[in-house]
Amino acid sequence: MQIAAQLYTLRDFTQTRGGLVECLDRLSAMGYEGVQFSAVGCMEGESPEVSPVDAGKLLTERDLICCATHRPLSRLIEAPANEAAFHQAMDCGYAAIGSPGAGYTITDPHDWARLAADLNRALDGLAGSGLRLGYHNHAMEWQRLGDDRIHPFEILLKNSSPLLEFELDTYWAAFAGQDPASLIRRLEGRISMVHVKDLEPVEWQVTYAPVGEGNLNWDEILAACLESGTEWLIVEQDTCRRDPFDCLESSLRFLQNHPMV
């Protein structure tokens, strides 16, 4: 398995081209093999400072791979050719949906079924492009909805194409009371990307922690990843209680030193 850094962790530092370059330099020097492009401000807006072609060159120069992105579902449905070209310019073969988005009521089970149908539409539009599609969870996928108290996660599994992958987030699954390792094994063959972040209690709250510094069972999680066909472990920390670069390096060293990685 290869190890990437989710650039969302460094979103405050990627608002300009110079900031992005510095982030990629530092991640490459740490020993990361890849990155996931998400919330990279210098690539957003009507006139982005960095184009996908430019980003691809920056990655190549630093021997980094764009293993995945986070993209809006609406763009993937409405402009699949443009999205395929966007990813091809960065030699990236995987797009994930970071959350359902504003068009869905997350407390309505019917809207989760509609989301599954829309994910299937996106897959149909991307057919033949070589671009895989994944869905990234938070905790809301395990709220209980409707008369049958069903989890949205089960609705997505039941109604989505077998081609839809799941970019499981270990922290949010555990936060929702689920066992990340069991979920990863259940998703065998559809779990090529896993977001790895730890969960740490701080007084009366739980919060994010670098991998290996919290209480998640990494022996079990990493064994499940290895058994289930995971290709990339993507380190993410939504917020950091110390310097985010230090957090990313701590996570990387823990994973590099783990016998299952």
C-alpha atoms as a PDB file:
ATOM      1  CA  MET A   1       0.000   0.000   0.000  1.00  0.00           C
ATOM      2  CA  GLN A   2       1.142   3.517  -0.798  1.00  0.00           C
ATOM      3  CA  ILE A   3       0.754   6.559   1.427  1.00  0.00           C
ATOM      4  CA  ALA A   4      -0.675   9.928   0.356  1.00  0.00           C
ATOM      5  CA  ALA A   5      -1.505  13.199   2.091  1.00  0.00           C
ATOM      6  CA  GLN A   6      -4.966  14.704   1.739  1.00  0.00           C
ATOM      7  CA  LEU A   7      -4.376  18.355   0.824  1.00  0.00           C
ATOM      8  CA  TYR A   8      -7.558  19.345   2.662  1.00  0.00           C
ATOM      9  CA  THR A   9      -5.390  19.104   5.791  1.00  0.00           C
ATOM     10  CA  LEU A  10      -3.265  21.934   4.356  1.00  0.00           C
ATOM     11  CA  ARG A  11      -6.099  23.954   2.808  1.00  0.00           C
ATOM     12  CA  ASP A  12      -4.958  27.166   4.508  1.00  0.00           C
ATOM     13  CA  PHE A  13      -1.597  26.849   2.725  1.00  0.00           C
ATOM     14  CA  THR A  14      -2.794  26.080  -0.826  1.00  0.00           C
ATOM     15  CA  GLN A  15      -4.618  29.309  -1.647  1.00  0.00           C
ATOM     16  CA  THR A  16      -1.801  30.478  -3.954  1.00  0.00           C
ATOM     17  CA  ARG A  17       0.502  28.757  -6.424  1.00  0.00           C
ATOM     18  CA  GLY A  18       3.485  29.502  -4.211  1.00  0.00           C
ATOM     19  CA  GLY A  19       1.726  27.974  -1.231  1.00  0.00           C
ATOM     20  CA  LEU A  20       0.854  24.835  -3.174  1.00  0.00           C
ATOM     21  CA  VAL A  21       4.427  24.489  -4.398  1.00  0.00           C
ATOM     22  CA  GLU A  22       5.748  24.769  -0.852  1.00  0.00           C
ATOM     23  CA  CYS A  23       3.261  22.160   0.387  1.00  0.00           C
ATOM     24  CA  LEU A  24       4.224  19.705  -2.362  1.00  0.00           C
ATOM     25  CA  ASP A  25       7.925  20.325  -1.687  1.00  0.00           C
ATOM     26  CA  ARG A  26       7.526  19.602   2.006  1.00  0.00           C
ATOM     27  CA  LEU A  27       5.354  16.519   1.508  1.00  0.00           C
ATOM     28  CA  SER A  28       7.790  15.092  -1.027  1.00  0.00           C
ATOM     29  CA  ALA A  29      10.712  15.738   1.321  1.00  0.00           C
ATOM     30  CA  MET A  30       8.863  13.939   4.139  1.00  0.00           C
ATOM     31  CA  GLY A  31       8.544  10.860   1.971  1.00  0.00           C
ATOM     32  CA  TYR A  32       4.909  10.942   0.888  1.00  0.00           C
ATOM     33  CA  GLU A  33       4.276   9.103  -2.371  1.00  0.00           C
ATOM     34  CA  GLY A  34       1.126  10.932  -3.369  1.00  0.00           C
ATOM     35  CA  VAL A  35      -1.516  13.523  -2.570  1.00  0.00           C
ATOM     36  CA  GLN A  36      -5.264  13.913  -2.832  1.00  0.00           C
ATOM     37  CA  PHE A  37      -6.388  17.226  -4.297  1.00  0.00           C
ATOM     38  CA  SER A  38      -9.205  18.718  -2.223  1.00  0.00           C
ATOM     39  CA  ALA A  39      -9.931  22.343  -1.264  1.00  0.00           C
ATOM     40  CA  VAL A  40      -6.878  23.560  -3.196  1.00  0.00           C
ATOM     41  CA  GLY A  41      -7.847  27.220  -3.434  1.00  0.00           C
ATOM     42  CA  CYS A  42      -5.405  28.173  -6.185  1.00  0.00           C
ATOM     43  CA  MET A  43      -7.171  25.715  -8.535  1.00  0.00           C
ATOM     44  CA  GLU A  44     -10.692  27.012  -7.875  1.00  0.00           C
ATOM     45  CA  GLY A  45     -12.761  29.905  -9.221  1.00  0.00           C
ATOM     46  CA  GLU A  46     -13.300  31.358 -12.684  1.00  0.00           C
ATOM     47  CA  SER A  47      -9.598  32.057 -13.337  1.00  0.00           C
ATOM     48  CA  PRO A  48      -7.592  29.578 -11.278  1.00  0.00           C
ATOM     49  CA  GLU A  49      -3.942  30.389 -10.711  1.00  0.00           C
ATOM     50  CA  VAL A  50      -2.988  26.738 -11.221  1.00  0.00           C
ATOM     51  CA  SER A  51      -4.441  24.635 -14.035  1.00  0.00           C
ATOM     52  CA  PRO A  52      -4.663  20.833 -13.945  1.00  0.00           C
ATOM     53  CA  VAL A  53      -1.827  20.692 -16.500  1.00  0.00           C
ATOM     54  CA  ASP A  54       0.324  22.919 -14.292  1.00  0.00           C
ATOM     55  CA  ALA A  55      -0.557  20.825 -11.244  1.00  0.00           C
ATOM     56  CA  GLY A  56       0.424  17.685 -13.133  1.00  0.00           C
ATOM     57  CA  LYS A  57       3.834  19.173 -13.906  1.00  0.00           C
ATOM     58  CA  LEU A  58       4.342  20.227 -10.293  1.00  0.00           C
ATOM     59  CA  LEU A  59       3.597  16.681  -9.180  1.00  0.00           C
ATOM     60  CA  THR A  60       5.885  15.066 -11.744  1.00  0.00           C
ATOM     61  CA  GLU A  61       8.767  17.358 -10.797  1.00  0.00           C
ATOM     62  CA  ARG A  62       8.437  16.200  -7.187  1.00  0.00           C
ATOM     63  CA  ASP A  63       7.866  12.512  -7.934  1.00  0.00           C
ATOM     64  CA  LEU A  64       4.394  12.677  -6.442  1.00  0.00           C
ATOM     65  CA  ILE A  65       1.196  11.003  -7.648  1.00  0.00           C
ATOM     66  CA  CYS A  66      -2.288  12.466  -7.538  1.00  0.00           C
ATOM     67  CA  CYS A  67      -4.006   9.349  -6.225  1.00  0.00           C
ATOM     68  CA  ALA A  68      -7.450  10.963  -5.898  1.00  0.00           C
ATOM     69  CA  THR A  69      -9.475  14.160  -5.843  1.00  0.00           C
ATOM     70  CA  HIS A  70     -12.639  15.415  -4.221  1.00  0.00           C
ATOM     71  CA  ARG A  71     -15.026  16.801  -6.826  1.00  0.00           C
ATOM     72  CA  PRO A  72     -18.634  18.059  -6.746  1.00  0.00           C
ATOM     73  CA  LEU A  73     -21.094  15.392  -7.866  1.00  0.00           C
ATOM     74  CA  SER A  74     -22.946  17.944 -10.008  1.00  0.00           C
ATOM     75  CA  ARG A  75     -19.854  18.538 -12.163  1.00  0.00           C
ATOM     76  CA  LEU A  76     -19.275  14.825 -12.629  1.00  0.00           C
ATOM     77  CA  ILE A  77     -22.875  14.370 -13.785  1.00  0.00           C
ATOM     78  CA  GLU A  78     -23.184  17.488 -15.951  1.00  0.00           C
ATOM     79  CA  ALA A  79     -19.709  17.622 -17.529  1.00  0.00           C
ATOM     80  CA  PRO A  80     -18.137  14.160 -17.412  1.00  0.00           C
ATOM     81  CA  ALA A  81     -15.831  14.832 -20.371  1.00  0.00           C
ATOM     82  CA  ASN A  82     -14.442  17.955 -18.698  1.00  0.00           C
ATOM     83  CA  GLU A  83     -13.965  16.073 -15.444  1.00  0.00           C
ATOM     84  CA  ALA A  84     -12.199  13.234 -17.222  1.00  0.00           C
ATOM     85  CA  ALA A  85      -9.872  15.735 -18.902  1.00  0.00           C
ATOM     86  CA  PHE A  86      -9.245  17.484 -15.560  1.00  0.00           C
ATOM     87  CA  HIS A  87      -8.087  14.218 -14.021  1.00  0.00           C
ATOM     88  CA  GLN A  88      -6.141  13.024 -17.059  1.00  0.00           C
ATOM     89  CA  ALA A  89      -4.082  16.231 -16.955  1.00  0.00           C
ATOM     90  CA  MET A  90      -2.912  15.209 -13.474  1.00  0.00           C
ATOM     91  CA  ASP A  91      -2.648  11.514 -14.368  1.00  0.00           C
ATOM     92  CA  CYS A  92      -5.263  10.819 -11.710  1.00  0.00           C
ATOM     93  CA  GLY A  93      -7.669   7.906 -12.035  1.00  0.00           C
ATOM     94  CA  TYR A  94      -9.942   8.389  -9.031  1.00  0.00           C
ATOM     95  CA  ALA A  95     -12.523  11.040  -8.102  1.00  0.00           C
ATOM     96  CA  ALA A  96     -14.403  10.973  -4.828  1.00  0.00           C
ATOM     97  CA  ILE A  97     -17.508  12.771  -3.633  1.00  0.00           C
ATOM     98  CA  GLY A  98     -16.595  14.501  -0.371  1.00  0.00           C
ATOM     99  CA  SER A  99     -20.186  14.756   0.925  1.00  0.00           C
ATOM    100  CA  PRO A 100     -23.741  14.583  -0.454  1.00  0.00           C
ATOM    101  CA  GLY A 101     -23.852  18.326  -1.054  1.00  0.00           C
ATOM    102  CA  ALA A 102     -26.556  20.946  -0.608  1.00  0.00           C
ATOM    103  CA  GLY A 103     -29.049  19.299  -2.957  1.00  0.00           C
ATOM    104  CA  TYR A 104     -29.908  16.461  -0.588  1.00  0.00           C
ATOM    105  CA  THR A 105     -31.718  16.363   2.734  1.00  0.00           C
ATOM    106  CA  ILE A 106     -29.510  14.118   4.828  1.00  0.00           C
ATOM    107  CA  THR A 107     -32.316  13.186   7.225  1.00  0.00           C
ATOM    108  CA  ASP A 108     -34.542  11.871   4.410  1.00  0.00           C
ATOM    109  CA  PRO A 109     -33.975   8.214   3.427  1.00  0.00           C
ATOM    110  CA  HIS A 110     -35.546   8.890   0.029  1.00  0.00           C
ATOM    111  CA  ASP A 111     -32.885  11.508  -0.673  1.00  0.00           C
ATOM    112  CA  TRP A 112     -30.154   8.979   0.117  1.00  0.00           C
ATOM    113  CA  ALA A 113     -31.715   6.666  -2.485  1.00  0.00           C
ATOM    114  CA  ARG A 114     -31.774   9.621  -4.894  1.00  0.00           C
ATOM    115  CA  LEU A 115     -28.093  10.252  -4.118  1.00  0.00           C
ATOM    116  CA  ALA A 116     -27.309   6.630  -4.961  1.00  0.00           C
ATOM    117  CA  ALA A 117     -29.140   7.041  -8.264  1.00  0.00           C
ATOM    118  CA  ASP A 118     -27.181  10.222  -9.012  1.00  0.00           C
ATOM    119  CA  LEU A 119     -23.899   8.475  -8.226  1.00  0.00           C
ATOM    120  CA  ASN A 120     -24.932   5.807 -10.720  1.00  0.00           C
ATOM    121  CA  ARG A 121     -25.637   8.545 -13.291  1.00  0.00           C
ATOM    122  CA  ALA A 122     -22.153   9.925 -12.740  1.00  0.00           C
ATOM    123  CA  LEU A 123     -20.665   6.463 -13.238  1.00  0.00           C
ATOM    124  CA  ASP A 124     -22.603   6.077 -16.494  1.00  0.00           C
ATOM    125  CA  GLY A 125     -21.269   9.401 -17.746  1.00  0.00           C
ATOM    126  CA  LEU A 126     -17.695   8.471 -16.848  1.00  0.00           C
ATOM    127  CA  ALA A 127     -17.866   5.034 -18.469  1.00  0.00           C
ATOM    128  CA  GLY A 128     -14.868   4.480 -20.724  1.00  0.00           C
ATOM    129  CA  SER A 129     -12.924   7.416 -19.270  1.00  0.00           C
ATOM    130  CA  GLY A 130     -10.812   5.288 -16.948  1.00  0.00           C
ATOM    131  CA  LEU A 131     -11.920   7.422 -13.997  1.00  0.00           C
ATOM    132  CA  ARG A 132     -13.124   5.537 -10.925  1.00  0.00           C
ATOM    133  CA  LEU A 133     -15.697   7.099  -8.605  1.00  0.00           C
ATOM    134  CA  GLY A 134     -15.754   6.887  -4.815  1.00  0.00           C
ATOM    135  CA  TYR A 135     -17.958   8.139  -2.002  1.00  0.00           C
ATOM    136  CA  HIS A 136     -16.361   9.581   1.148  1.00  0.00           C
ATOM    137  CA  ASN A 137     -18.281   9.160   4.391  1.00  0.00           C
ATOM    138  CA  HIS A 138     -18.646  11.236   7.524  1.00  0.00           C
ATOM    139  CA  ALA A 139     -20.748  10.131  10.520  1.00  0.00           C
ATOM    140  CA  MET A 140     -24.175  10.967   9.063  1.00  0.00           C
ATOM    141  CA  GLU A 141     -24.156   7.782   6.995  1.00  0.00           C
ATOM    142  CA  TRP A 142     -24.896   5.872  10.222  1.00  0.00           C
ATOM    143  CA  GLN A 143     -27.761   7.951  11.575  1.00  0.00           C
ATOM    144  CA  ARG A 144     -30.969   5.937  11.831  1.00  0.00           C
ATOM    145  CA  LEU A 145     -33.730   7.126   9.498  1.00  0.00           C
ATOM    146  CA  GLY A 146     -37.354   6.352   8.704  1.00  0.00           C
ATOM    147  CA  ASP A 147     -39.722   3.845  10.238  1.00  0.00           C
ATOM    148  CA  ASP A 148     -37.255   1.003   9.734  1.00  0.00           C
ATOM    149  CA  ARG A 149     -34.391   3.017  11.317  1.00  0.00           C
ATOM    150  CA  ILE A 150     -32.120   2.252   8.371  1.00  0.00           C
ATOM    151  CA  HIS A 151     -28.599   3.642   8.023  1.00  0.00           C
ATOM    152  CA  PRO A 152     -27.963   5.777   4.911  1.00  0.00           C
ATOM    153  CA  PHE A 153     -24.817   3.693   4.386  1.00  0.00           C
ATOM    154  CA  GLU A 154     -27.039   0.659   3.804  1.00  0.00           C
ATOM    155  CA  ILE A 155     -29.210   2.647   1.392  1.00  0.00           C
ATOM    156  CA  LEU A 156     -26.135   3.624  -0.625  1.00  0.00           C
ATOM    157  CA  LEU A 157     -24.848   0.053  -0.690  1.00  0.00           C
ATOM    158  CA  LYS A 158     -28.207  -1.380  -1.743  1.00  0.00           C
ATOM    159  CA  ASN A 159     -28.939   1.161  -4.476  1.00  0.00           C
ATOM    160  CA  SER A 160     -25.533   1.949  -5.959  1.00  0.00           C
ATOM    161  CA  SER A 161     -23.683   0.227  -8.773  1.00  0.00           C
ATOM    162  CA  PRO A 162     -21.027  -2.316  -7.765  1.00  0.00           C
ATOM    163  CA  LEU A 163     -18.634   0.003  -9.621  1.00  0.00           C
ATOM    164  CA  LEU A 164     -19.077   2.694  -6.975  1.00  0.00           C
ATOM    165  CA  GLU A 165     -16.186   2.639  -4.532  1.00  0.00           C
ATOM    166  CA  PHE A 166     -16.165   3.847  -0.953  1.00  0.00           C
ATOM    167  CA  GLU A 167     -13.369   6.086   0.294  1.00  0.00           C
ATOM    168  CA  LEU A 168     -13.839   5.079   3.913  1.00  0.00           C
ATOM    169  CA  ASP A 169     -12.855   7.604   6.589  1.00  0.00           C
ATOM    170  CA  THR A 170     -11.664   5.720   9.667  1.00  0.00           C
ATOM    171  CA  TYR A 171     -12.245   8.577  12.117  1.00  0.00           C
ATOM    172  CA  TRP A 172     -15.803   9.313  11.067  1.00  0.00           C
ATOM    173  CA  ALA A 173     -16.769   5.636  10.970  1.00  0.00           C
ATOM    174  CA  ALA A 174     -15.464   5.178  14.527  1.00  0.00           C
ATOM    175  CA  PHE A 175     -17.077   8.457  15.609  1.00  0.00           C
ATOM    176  CA  ALA A 176     -20.414   7.019  14.419  1.00  0.00           C
ATOM    177  CA  GLY A 177     -19.904   3.906  16.540  1.00  0.00           C
ATOM    178  CA  GLN A 178     -18.816   1.648  13.689  1.00  0.00           C
ATOM    179  CA  ASP A 179     -15.788  -0.637  13.450  1.00  0.00           C
ATOM    180  CA  PRO A 180     -13.612   0.672  10.586  1.00  0.00           C
ATOM    181  CA  ALA A 181     -11.868  -2.691  10.062  1.00  0.00           C
ATOM    182  CA  SER A 182     -15.173  -4.539   9.708  1.00  0.00           C
ATOM    183  CA  LEU A 183     -16.456  -1.969   7.226  1.00  0.00           C
ATOM    184  CA  ILE A 184     -13.267  -2.184   5.168  1.00  0.00           C
ATOM    185  CA  ARG A 185     -13.563  -5.976   4.982  1.00  0.00           C
ATOM    186  CA  ARG A 186     -17.210  -5.677   4.000  1.00  0.00           C
ATOM    187  CA  LEU A 187     -16.236  -3.352   1.152  1.00  0.00           C
ATOM    188  CA  GLU A 188     -13.570  -5.670  -0.257  1.00  0.00           C
ATOM    189  CA  GLY A 189     -12.940  -4.854  -3.906  1.00  0.00           C
ATOM    190  CA  ARG A 190     -14.585  -1.415  -3.575  1.00  0.00           C
ATOM    191  CA  ILE A 191     -12.140   0.189  -1.157  1.00  0.00           C
ATOM    192  CA  SER A 192      -8.988   1.111  -3.066  1.00  0.00           C
ATOM    193  CA  MET A 193      -8.671   4.384  -1.079  1.00  0.00           C
ATOM    194  CA  VAL A 194      -8.945   4.731   2.709  1.00  0.00           C
ATOM    195  CA  HIS A 195      -8.760   7.976   4.667  1.00  0.00           C
ATOM    196  CA  VAL A 196      -6.659   7.279   7.733  1.00  0.00           C
ATOM    197  CA  LYS A 197      -6.999   9.564  10.735  1.00  0.00           C
ATOM    198  CA  ASP A 198      -7.041   8.788  14.424  1.00  0.00           C
ATOM    199  CA  LEU A 199      -9.564   9.532  17.154  1.00  0.00           C
ATOM    200  CA  GLU A 200      -8.401  10.917  20.478  1.00  0.00           C
ATOM    201  CA  PRO A 201     -10.417  11.817  23.599  1.00  0.00           C
ATOM    202  CA  VAL A 202      -9.537  15.201  25.054  1.00  0.00           C
ATOM    203  CA  GLU A 203     -11.330  15.813  28.366  1.00  0.00           C
ATOM    204  CA  TRP A 204     -15.077  15.534  27.569  1.00  0.00           C
ATOM    205  CA  GLN A 205     -14.701  15.606  23.782  1.00  0.00           C
ATOM    206  CA  VAL A 206     -13.250  13.442  21.046  1.00  0.00           C
ATOM    207  CA  THR A 207     -11.152  14.990  18.313  1.00  0.00           C
ATOM    208  CA  TYR A 208      -8.830  14.262  15.404  1.00  0.00           C
ATOM    209  CA  ALA A 209      -5.302  13.020  15.972  1.00  0.00           C
ATOM    210  CA  PRO A 210      -2.354  11.974  13.826  1.00  0.00           C
ATOM    211  CA  VAL A 211      -2.389   8.281  12.953  1.00  0.00           C
ATOM    212  CA  GLY A 212      -0.991   6.271  15.850  1.00  0.00           C
ATOM    213  CA  GLU A 213      -1.527   9.012  18.436  1.00  0.00           C
ATOM    214  CA  GLY A 214      -5.156   8.179  19.224  1.00  0.00           C
ATOM    215  CA  ASN A 215      -7.135   5.093  20.176  1.00  0.00           C
ATOM    216  CA  LEU A 216      -8.075   3.402  16.889  1.00  0.00           C
ATOM    217  CA  ASN A 217      -6.900  -0.176  16.392  1.00  0.00           C
ATOM    218  CA  TRP A 218      -4.413   0.284  13.572  1.00  0.00           C
ATOM    219  CA  ASP A 219      -3.253  -3.335  13.566  1.00  0.00           C
ATOM    220  CA  GLU A 220      -6.806  -4.396  12.677  1.00  0.00           C
ATOM    221  CA  ILE A 221      -7.516  -1.483  10.315  1.00  0.00           C
ATOM    222  CA  LEU A 222      -4.324  -1.942   8.307  1.00  0.00           C
ATOM    223  CA  ALA A 223      -4.763  -5.721   8.186  1.00  0.00           C
ATOM    224  CA  ALA A 224      -8.274  -5.190   6.816  1.00  0.00           C
ATOM    225  CA  CYS A 225      -6.936  -2.752   4.200  1.00  0.00           C
ATOM    226  CA  LEU A 226      -4.305  -5.258   3.126  1.00  0.00           C
ATOM    227  CA  GLU A 227      -6.874  -8.054   2.843  1.00  0.00           C
ATOM    228  CA  SER A 228      -9.470  -5.956   1.001  1.00  0.00           C
ATOM    229  CA  GLY A 229      -7.379  -4.557  -1.843  1.00  0.00           C
ATOM    230  CA  THR A 230      -6.675  -1.056  -0.562  1.00  0.00           C
ATOM    231  CA  GLU A 231      -4.111   0.669  -2.766  1.00  0.00           C
ATOM    232  CA  TRP A 232      -3.678   4.006  -0.982  1.00  0.00           C
ATOM    233  CA  LEU A 233      -3.738   5.071   2.649  1.00  0.00           C
ATOM    234  CA  ILE A 234      -4.608   8.772   2.541  1.00  0.00           C
ATOM    235  CA  VAL A 235      -3.634  10.688   5.666  1.00  0.00           C
ATOM    236  CA  GLU A 236      -6.118  13.389   6.569  1.00  0.00           C
ATOM    237  CA  GLN A 237      -6.707  15.495   9.664  1.00  0.00           C
ATOM    238  CA  ASP A 238      -9.652  17.867   9.443  1.00  0.00           C
ATOM    239  CA  THR A 239      -8.240  20.139  12.143  1.00  0.00           C
ATOM    240  CA  CYS A 240      -4.908  19.956  13.942  1.00  0.00           C
ATOM    241  CA  ARG A 241      -4.111  20.954  17.498  1.00  0.00           C
ATOM    242  CA  ARG A 242      -0.510  21.610  16.465  1.00  0.00           C
ATOM    243  CA  ASP A 243       1.301  22.399  13.216  1.00  0.00           C
ATOM    244  CA  PRO A 244      -0.440  20.415  10.439  1.00  0.00           C
ATOM    245  CA  PHE A 245       2.843  19.592   8.699  1.00  0.00           C
ATOM    246  CA  ASP A 246       4.077  18.048  11.928  1.00  0.00           C
ATOM    247  CA  CYS A 247       0.847  16.052  12.216  1.00  0.00           C
ATOM    248  CA  LEU A 248       1.212  14.780   8.655  1.00  0.00           C
ATOM    249  CA  GLU A 249       4.813  13.769   9.273  1.00  0.00           C
ATOM    250  CA  SER A 250       3.913  11.969  12.514  1.00  0.00           C
ATOM    251  CA  SER A 251       1.195   9.992  10.710  1.00  0.00           C
ATOM    252  CA  LEU A 252       3.560   9.138   7.877  1.00  0.00           C
ATOM    253  CA  ARG A 253       6.308   7.858  10.196  1.00  0.00           C
ATOM    254  CA  PHE A 254       3.825   5.691  12.098  1.00  0.00           C
ATOM    255  CA  LEU A 255       2.536   4.123   8.888  1.00  0.00           C
ATOM    256  CA  GLN A 256       6.004   3.673   7.378  1.00  0.00           C
ATOM    257  CA  ASN A 257       7.110   1.803  10.489  1.00  0.00           C
ATOM    258  CA  HIS A 258       4.038  -0.431  10.639  1.00  0.00           C
ATOM    259  CA  PRO A 259       4.748  -4.005   9.458  1.00  0.00           C
ATOM    260  CA  MET A 260       1.544  -4.182   7.403  1.00  0.00           C
ATOM    261  CA  VAL A 261       2.282  -1.145   5.217  1.00  0.00           C
END
